Amino acid sequence: MRKLEGDNIVIWGGILGVLFSPQYAEEGFEQHLNKVLDEFADDARFVLGIDDQVPPDGVISRTKKVRDIIDKRSCTSYA
């Protein structure tokens, strides 16, 4: 996305709302999150967020898991 749009925009998102659904495995959720964090690790104009709404049956504990994974990676730029 950054290569297409350049440095003049802020990219917001990265976590698909549907990944909070219990239909998706915890491991897949974590893999996706880590991939996004890897991709944008050095991008100061990226805001980690949910791309869409968390489904009504969403696994709310995954919201805390986002913070836990960020803390483990020491990505203070995302905190």
PDB file of N, CA and C in Angstrom:
ATOM      1  N   MET A   1       0.818  -1.185   0.000  1.00  0.00           N
ATOM      2  CA  MET A   1       0.000   0.000   0.000  1.00  0.00           C
ATOM      3  C   MET A   1       0.869   1.258   0.000  1.00  0.00           C
ATOM      4  N   ARG A   2       1.886   1.245   0.831  1.00  0.00           N
ATOM      5  CA  ARG A   2       2.771   2.416   0.902  1.00  0.00           C
ATOM      6  C   ARG A   2       3.429   2.655  -0.447  1.00  0.00           C
ATOM      7  N   LYS A   3       3.832   1.592  -1.134  1.00  0.00           N
ATOM      8  CA  LYS A   3       4.488   1.751  -2.432  1.00  0.00           C
ATOM      9  C   LYS A   3       3.544   2.370  -3.455  1.00  0.00           C
ATOM     10  N   LEU A   4       2.265   2.074  -3.356  1.00  0.00           N
ATOM     11  CA  LEU A   4       1.285   2.612  -4.296  1.00  0.00           C
ATOM     12  C   LEU A   4       0.908   4.057  -3.994  1.00  0.00           C
ATOM     13  N   GLU A   5       0.775   4.382  -2.726  1.00  0.00           N
ATOM     14  CA  GLU A   5       0.239   5.684  -2.331  1.00  0.00           C
ATOM     15  C   GLU A   5       1.294   6.707  -1.924  1.00  0.00           C
ATOM     16  N   GLY A   6       2.481   6.262  -1.587  1.00  0.00           N
ATOM     17  CA  GLY A   6       3.532   7.185  -1.215  1.00  0.00           C
ATOM     18  C   GLY A   6       3.508   7.569   0.255  1.00  0.00           C
ATOM     19  N   ASP A   7       4.322   8.543   0.607  1.00  0.00           N
ATOM     20  CA  ASP A   7       4.512   8.923   2.013  1.00  0.00           C
ATOM     21  C   ASP A   7       3.553  10.000   2.496  1.00  0.00           C
ATOM     22  N   ASN A   8       2.697  10.510   1.641  1.00  0.00           N
ATOM     23  CA  ASN A   8       1.840  11.626   2.030  1.00  0.00           C
ATOM     24  C   ASN A   8       0.521  11.214   2.668  1.00  0.00           C
ATOM     25  N   ILE A   9       0.295   9.950   2.874  1.00  0.00           N
ATOM     26  CA  ILE A   9      -0.946   9.511   3.503  1.00  0.00           C
ATOM     27  C   ILE A   9      -0.638   8.705   4.754  1.00  0.00           C
ATOM     28  N   VAL A  10      -1.619   8.640   5.628  1.00  0.00           N
ATOM     29  CA  VAL A  10      -1.539   7.774   6.793  1.00  0.00           C
ATOM     30  C   VAL A  10      -2.351   6.531   6.469  1.00  0.00           C
ATOM     31  N   ILE A  11      -1.765   5.390   6.680  1.00  0.00           N
ATOM     32  CA  ILE A  11      -2.477   4.124   6.472  1.00  0.00           C
ATOM     33  C   ILE A  11      -3.011   3.675   7.826  1.00  0.00           C
ATOM     34  N   TRP A  12      -4.300   3.415   7.875  1.00  0.00           N
ATOM     35  CA  TRP A  12      -4.961   3.008   9.112  1.00  0.00           C
ATOM     36  C   TRP A  12      -5.574   1.638   8.878  1.00  0.00           C
ATOM     37  N   GLY A  13      -5.317   0.699   9.761  1.00  0.00           N
ATOM     38  CA  GLY A  13      -5.940  -0.615   9.645  1.00  0.00           C
ATOM     39  C   GLY A  13      -4.954  -1.726   9.898  1.00  0.00           C
ATOM     40  N   GLY A  14      -5.100  -2.757   9.135  1.00  0.00           N
ATOM     41  CA  GLY A  14      -4.187  -3.880   9.242  1.00  0.00           C
ATOM     42  C   GLY A  14      -4.805  -5.139   9.822  1.00  0.00           C
ATOM     43  N   ILE A  15      -5.786  -4.963  10.714  1.00  0.00           N
ATOM     44  CA  ILE A  15      -6.412  -6.140  11.314  1.00  0.00           C
ATOM     45  C   ILE A  15      -7.829  -6.251  10.769  1.00  0.00           C
ATOM     46  N   LEU A  16      -8.096  -7.317  10.082  1.00  0.00           N
ATOM     47  CA  LEU A  16      -9.436  -7.548   9.542  1.00  0.00           C
ATOM     48  C   LEU A  16     -10.409  -7.831  10.683  1.00  0.00           C
ATOM     49  N   GLY A  17     -11.520  -7.132  10.716  1.00  0.00           N
ATOM     50  CA  GLY A  17     -12.507  -7.330  11.770  1.00  0.00           C
ATOM     51  C   GLY A  17     -12.986  -8.769  11.875  1.00  0.00           C
ATOM     52  N   VAL A  18     -13.111  -9.422  10.746  1.00  0.00           N
ATOM     53  CA  VAL A  18     -13.597 -10.802  10.730  1.00  0.00           C
ATOM     54  C   VAL A  18     -12.652 -11.757  11.477  1.00  0.00           C
ATOM     55  N   LEU A  19     -11.379 -11.380  11.609  1.00  0.00           N
ATOM     56  CA  LEU A  19     -10.433 -12.242  12.323  1.00  0.00           C
ATOM     57  C   LEU A  19     -10.731 -12.337  13.817  1.00  0.00           C
ATOM     58  N   PHE A  20     -11.601 -11.469  14.322  1.00  0.00           N
ATOM     59  CA  PHE A  20     -12.014 -11.552  15.716  1.00  0.00           C
ATOM     60  C   PHE A  20     -13.132 -12.577  15.909  1.00  0.00           C
ATOM     61  N   SER A  21     -13.660 -13.097  14.816  1.00  0.00           N
ATOM     62  CA  SER A  21     -14.733 -14.091  14.869  1.00  0.00           C
ATOM     63  C   SER A  21     -14.200 -15.414  15.421  1.00  0.00           C
ATOM     64  N   PRO A  22     -15.012 -16.112  16.211  1.00  0.00           N
ATOM     65  CA  PRO A  22     -14.568 -17.413  16.720  1.00  0.00           C
ATOM     66  C   PRO A  22     -14.386 -18.457  15.613  1.00  0.00           C
ATOM     67  N   GLN A  23     -14.841 -18.130  14.409  1.00  0.00           N
ATOM     68  CA  GLN A  23     -14.664 -19.060  13.283  1.00  0.00           C
ATOM     69  C   GLN A  23     -13.209 -19.126  12.822  1.00  0.00           C
ATOM     70  N   TYR A  24     -12.408 -18.146  13.224  1.00  0.00           N
ATOM     71  CA  TYR A  24     -10.999 -18.117  12.854  1.00  0.00           C
ATOM     72  C   TYR A  24     -10.148 -18.538  14.035  1.00  0.00           C
ATOM     73  N   ALA A  25      -9.189 -19.394  13.762  1.00  0.00           N
ATOM     74  CA  ALA A  25      -8.337 -19.945  14.820  1.00  0.00           C
ATOM     75  C   ALA A  25      -7.457 -18.848  15.427  1.00  0.00           C
ATOM     76  N   GLU A  26      -7.172 -19.007  16.694  1.00  0.00           N
ATOM     77  CA  GLU A  26      -6.318 -18.064  17.420  1.00  0.00           C
ATOM     78  C   GLU A  26      -4.952 -17.945  16.741  1.00  0.00           C
ATOM     79  N   GLU A  27      -4.433 -19.059  16.295  1.00  0.00           N
ATOM     80  CA  GLU A  27      -3.121 -19.068  15.637  1.00  0.00           C
ATOM     81  C   GLU A  27      -3.130 -18.222  14.365  1.00  0.00           C
ATOM     82  N   GLY A  28      -4.185 -18.336  13.574  1.00  0.00           N
ATOM     83  CA  GLY A  28      -4.296 -17.543  12.361  1.00  0.00           C
ATOM     84  C   GLY A  28      -4.392 -16.057  12.659  1.00  0.00           C
ATOM     85  N   PHE A  29      -5.111 -15.717  13.728  1.00  0.00           N
ATOM     86  CA  PHE A  29      -5.220 -14.328  14.162  1.00  0.00           C
ATOM     87  C   PHE A  29      -3.842 -13.777  14.508  1.00  0.00           C
ATOM     88  N   GLU A  30      -3.092 -14.526  15.299  1.00  0.00           N
ATOM     89  CA  GLU A  30      -1.765 -14.096  15.714  1.00  0.00           C
ATOM     90  C   GLU A  30      -0.806 -13.993  14.522  1.00  0.00           C
ATOM     91  N   GLN A  31      -0.881 -14.941  13.611  1.00  0.00           N
ATOM     92  CA  GLN A  31      -0.011 -14.904  12.431  1.00  0.00           C
ATOM     93  C   GLN A  31      -0.278 -13.655  11.602  1.00  0.00           C
ATOM     94  N   HIS A  32      -1.557 -13.344  11.416  1.00  0.00           N
ATOM     95  CA  HIS A  32      -1.906 -12.153  10.630  1.00  0.00           C
ATOM     96  C   HIS A  32      -1.382 -10.886  11.308  1.00  0.00           C
ATOM     97  N   LEU A  33      -1.611 -10.781  12.606  1.00  0.00           N
ATOM     98  CA  LEU A  33      -1.160  -9.611  13.349  1.00  0.00           C
ATOM     99  C   LEU A  33       0.352  -9.450  13.246  1.00  0.00           C
ATOM    100  N   ASN A  34       1.087 -10.527  13.432  1.00  0.00           N
ATOM    101  CA  ASN A  34       2.544 -10.454  13.336  1.00  0.00           C
ATOM    102  C   ASN A  34       3.011 -10.077  11.932  1.00  0.00           C
ATOM    103  N   LYS A  35       2.319 -10.560  10.923  1.00  0.00           N
ATOM    104  CA  LYS A  35       2.674 -10.211   9.544  1.00  0.00           C
ATOM    105  C   LYS A  35       2.477  -8.713   9.306  1.00  0.00           C
ATOM    106  N   VAL A  36       1.356  -8.168   9.812  1.00  0.00           N
ATOM    107  CA  VAL A  36       1.103  -6.730   9.664  1.00  0.00           C
ATOM    108  C   VAL A  36       2.171  -5.924  10.397  1.00  0.00           C
ATOM    109  N   LEU A  37       2.490  -6.329  11.617  1.00  0.00           N
ATOM    110  CA  LEU A  37       3.511  -5.620  12.387  1.00  0.00           C
ATOM    111  C   LEU A  37       4.869  -5.685  11.710  1.00  0.00           C
ATOM    112  N   ASP A  38       5.191  -6.816  11.100  1.00  0.00           N
ATOM    113  CA  ASP A  38       6.450  -6.934  10.351  1.00  0.00           C
ATOM    114  C   ASP A  38       6.458  -5.984   9.158  1.00  0.00           C
ATOM    115  N   GLU A  39       5.363  -5.954   8.431  1.00  0.00           N
ATOM    116  CA  GLU A  39       5.273  -5.152   7.209  1.00  0.00           C
ATOM    117  C   GLU A  39       5.410  -3.656   7.484  1.00  0.00           C
ATOM    118  N   PHE A  40       4.832  -3.202   8.583  1.00  0.00           N
ATOM    119  CA  PHE A  40       4.803  -1.764   8.855  1.00  0.00           C
ATOM    120  C   PHE A  40       5.708  -1.354  10.019  1.00  0.00           C
ATOM    121  N   ALA A  41       6.640  -2.193  10.388  1.00  0.00           N
ATOM    122  CA  ALA A  41       7.495  -1.936  11.557  1.00  0.00           C
ATOM    123  C   ALA A  41       8.220  -0.599  11.491  1.00  0.00           C
ATOM    124  N   ASP A  42       8.624  -0.174  10.330  1.00  0.00           N
ATOM    125  CA  ASP A  42       9.401   1.065  10.194  1.00  0.00           C
ATOM    126  C   ASP A  42       8.595   2.198   9.569  1.00  0.00           C
ATOM    127  N   ASP A  43       7.278   2.066   9.556  1.00  0.00           N
ATOM    128  CA  ASP A  43       6.421   3.057   8.910  1.00  0.00           C
ATOM    129  C   ASP A  43       5.769   3.946   9.966  1.00  0.00           C
ATOM    130  N   ALA A  44       6.276   5.148  10.132  1.00  0.00           N
ATOM    131  CA  ALA A  44       5.764   6.077  11.145  1.00  0.00           C
ATOM    132  C   ALA A  44       4.394   6.639  10.784  1.00  0.00           C
ATOM    133  N   ARG A  45       3.940   6.408   9.559  1.00  0.00           N
ATOM    134  CA  ARG A  45       2.635   6.915   9.127  1.00  0.00           C
ATOM    135  C   ARG A  45       1.627   5.773   8.983  1.00  0.00           C
ATOM    136  N   PHE A  46       1.741   4.800   9.862  1.00  0.00           N
ATOM    137  CA  PHE A  46       0.813   3.674   9.903  1.00  0.00           C
ATOM    138  C   PHE A  46       0.189   3.619  11.291  1.00  0.00           C
ATOM    139  N   VAL A  47      -1.137   3.498  11.328  1.00  0.00           N
ATOM    140  CA  VAL A  47      -1.864   3.368  12.580  1.00  0.00           C
ATOM    141  C   VAL A  47      -2.512   1.994  12.592  1.00  0.00           C
ATOM    142  N   LEU A  48      -2.094   1.164  13.523  1.00  0.00           N
ATOM    143  CA  LEU A  48      -2.667  -0.169  13.631  1.00  0.00           C
ATOM    144  C   LEU A  48      -4.096  -0.061  14.132  1.00  0.00           C
ATOM    145  N   GLY A  49      -5.002  -0.679  13.432  1.00  0.00           N
ATOM    146  CA  GLY A  49      -6.405  -0.648  13.831  1.00  0.00           C
ATOM    147  C   GLY A  49      -7.175  -1.758  13.141  1.00  0.00           C
ATOM    148  N   ILE A  50      -8.436  -1.842  13.492  1.00  0.00           N
ATOM    149  CA  ILE A  50      -9.307  -2.842  12.886  1.00  0.00           C
ATOM    150  C   ILE A  50      -9.906  -2.234  11.628  1.00  0.00           C
ATOM    151  N   ASP A  51      -9.774  -2.945  10.514  1.00  0.00           N
ATOM    152  CA  ASP A  51     -10.233  -2.446   9.222  1.00  0.00           C
ATOM    153  C   ASP A  51     -11.745  -2.293   9.139  1.00  0.00           C
ATOM    154  N   ASP A  52     -12.456  -3.046   9.899  1.00  0.00           N
ATOM    155  CA  ASP A  52     -13.908  -3.021   9.856  1.00  0.00           C
ATOM    156  C   ASP A  52     -14.405  -3.253  11.272  1.00  0.00           C
ATOM    157  N   GLN A  53     -15.647  -3.565  11.409  1.00  0.00           N
ATOM    158  CA  GLN A  53     -16.205  -3.792  12.735  1.00  0.00           C
ATOM    159  C   GLN A  53     -15.898  -5.200  13.218  1.00  0.00           C
ATOM    160  N   VAL A  54     -15.702  -5.321  14.529  1.00  0.00           N
ATOM    161  CA  VAL A  54     -15.597  -6.635  15.146  1.00  0.00           C
ATOM    162  C   VAL A  54     -16.994  -7.243  15.102  1.00  0.00           C
ATOM    163  N   PRO A  55     -17.128  -8.500  14.677  1.00  0.00           N
ATOM    164  CA  PRO A  55     -18.452  -9.111  14.604  1.00  0.00           C
ATOM    165  C   PRO A  55     -19.109  -9.194  15.994  1.00  0.00           C
ATOM    166  N   PRO A  56     -20.424  -9.228  16.034  1.00  0.00           N
ATOM    167  CA  PRO A  56     -21.127  -9.300  17.325  1.00  0.00           C
ATOM    168  C   PRO A  56     -20.682 -10.463  18.203  1.00  0.00           C
ATOM    169  N   ASP A  57     -20.287 -11.556  17.585  1.00  0.00           N
ATOM    170  CA  ASP A  57     -19.832 -12.719  18.359  1.00  0.00           C
ATOM    171  C   ASP A  57     -18.310 -12.745  18.487  1.00  0.00           C
ATOM    172  N   GLY A  58     -17.676 -11.605  18.261  1.00  0.00           N
ATOM    173  CA  GLY A  58     -16.215 -11.522  18.274  1.00  0.00           C
ATOM    174  C   GLY A  58     -15.603 -11.949  19.595  1.00  0.00           C
ATOM    175  N   VAL A  59     -14.417 -12.498  19.507  1.00  0.00           N
ATOM    176  CA  VAL A  59     -13.657 -12.939  20.678  1.00  0.00           C
ATOM    177  C   VAL A  59     -12.965 -11.705  21.249  1.00  0.00           C
ATOM    178  N   ILE A  60     -13.571 -11.119  22.258  1.00  0.00           N
ATOM    179  CA  ILE A  60     -13.100  -9.853  22.808  1.00  0.00           C
ATOM    180  C   ILE A  60     -11.696  -9.973  23.401  1.00  0.00           C
ATOM    181  N   SER A  61     -11.338 -11.148  23.891  1.00  0.00           N
ATOM    182  CA  SER A  61      -9.997 -11.329  24.467  1.00  0.00           C
ATOM    183  C   SER A  61      -8.900 -11.085  23.425  1.00  0.00           C
ATOM    184  N   ARG A  62      -9.254 -11.145  22.146  1.00  0.00           N
ATOM    185  CA  ARG A  62      -8.258 -10.891  21.106  1.00  0.00           C
ATOM    186  C   ARG A  62      -7.852  -9.421  21.066  1.00  0.00           C
ATOM    187  N   THR A  63      -8.706  -8.532  21.540  1.00  0.00           N
ATOM    188  CA  THR A  63      -8.309  -7.125  21.584  1.00  0.00           C
ATOM    189  C   THR A  63      -7.139  -6.942  22.544  1.00  0.00           C
ATOM    190  N   LYS A  64      -7.177  -7.642  23.673  1.00  0.00           N
ATOM    191  CA  LYS A  64      -6.056  -7.597  24.620  1.00  0.00           C
ATOM    192  C   LYS A  64      -4.842  -8.303  24.036  1.00  0.00           C
ATOM    193  N   LYS A  65      -5.083  -9.350  23.286  1.00  0.00           N
ATOM    194  CA  LYS A  65      -3.973 -10.083  22.672  1.00  0.00           C
ATOM    195  C   LYS A  65      -3.181  -9.186  21.729  1.00  0.00           C
ATOM    196  N   VAL A  66      -3.856  -8.267  21.053  1.00  0.00           N
ATOM    197  CA  VAL A  66      -3.153  -7.320  20.179  1.00  0.00           C
ATOM    198  C   VAL A  66      -2.119  -6.565  20.994  1.00  0.00           C
ATOM    199  N   ARG A  67      -2.543  -6.023  22.118  1.00  0.00           N
ATOM    200  CA  ARG A  67      -1.617  -5.274  22.976  1.00  0.00           C
ATOM    201  C   ARG A  67      -0.502  -6.179  23.517  1.00  0.00           C
ATOM    202  N   ASP A  68      -0.859  -7.387  23.919  1.00  0.00           N
ATOM    203  CA  ASP A  68       0.145  -8.314  24.454  1.00  0.00           C
ATOM    204  C   ASP A  68       1.220  -8.630  23.422  1.00  0.00           C
ATOM    205  N   ILE A  69       0.810  -8.849  22.182  1.00  0.00           N
ATOM    206  CA  ILE A  69       1.773  -9.163  21.123  1.00  0.00           C
ATOM    207  C   ILE A  69       2.656  -7.948  20.843  1.00  0.00           C
ATOM    208  N   ILE A  70       2.059  -6.776  20.820  1.00  0.00           N
ATOM    209  CA  ILE A  70       2.847  -5.557  20.609  1.00  0.00           C
ATOM    210  C   ILE A  70       3.865  -5.393  21.728  1.00  0.00           C
ATOM    211  N   ASP A  71       3.424  -5.595  22.970  1.00  0.00           N
ATOM    212  CA  ASP A  71       4.347  -5.481  24.105  1.00  0.00           C
ATOM    213  C   ASP A  71       5.491  -6.483  24.000  1.00  0.00           C
ATOM    214  N   LYS A  72       5.193  -7.705  23.606  1.00  0.00           N
ATOM    215  CA  LYS A  72       6.236  -8.731  23.467  1.00  0.00           C
ATOM    216  C   LYS A  72       7.243  -8.370  22.395  1.00  0.00           C
ATOM    217  N   ARG A  73       6.779  -7.712  21.364  1.00  0.00           N
ATOM    218  CA  ARG A  73       7.658  -7.328  20.260  1.00  0.00           C
ATOM    219  C   ARG A  73       8.404  -6.035  20.547  1.00  0.00           C
ATOM    220  N   SER A  74       8.041  -5.376  21.642  1.00  0.00           N
ATOM    221  CA  SER A  74       8.650  -4.087  22.008  1.00  0.00           C
ATOM    222  C   SER A  74       8.479  -3.059  20.911  1.00  0.00           C
ATOM    223  N   CYS A  75       7.313  -3.029  20.313  1.00  0.00           N
ATOM    224  CA  CYS A  75       7.012  -2.070  19.249  1.00  0.00           C
ATOM    225  C   CYS A  75       6.395  -0.831  19.873  1.00  0.00           C
ATOM    226  N   THR A  76       7.189  -0.053  20.553  1.00  0.00           N
ATOM    227  CA  THR A  76       6.642   1.116  21.222  1.00  0.00           C
ATOM    228  C   THR A  76       6.038   2.115  20.256  1.00  0.00           C
ATOM    229  N   SER A  77       6.422   2.075  19.009  1.00  0.00           N
ATOM    230  CA  SER A  77       5.845   3.011  18.044  1.00  0.00           C
ATOM    231  C   SER A  77       4.391   2.680  17.763  1.00  0.00           C
ATOM    232  N   TYR A  78       3.950   1.468  18.104  1.00  0.00           N
ATOM    233  CA  TYR A  78       2.564   1.087  17.896  1.00  0.00           C
ATOM    234  C   TYR A  78       1.724   1.268  19.146  1.00  0.00           C
ATOM    235  N   ALA A  79       2.346   1.507  20.285  1.00  0.00           N
ATOM    236  CA  ALA A  79       1.612   1.540  21.558  1.00  0.00           C
ATOM    237  C   ALA A  79       0.753   2.769  21.687  1.00  0.00           C
TER     238      ALA A  79
END
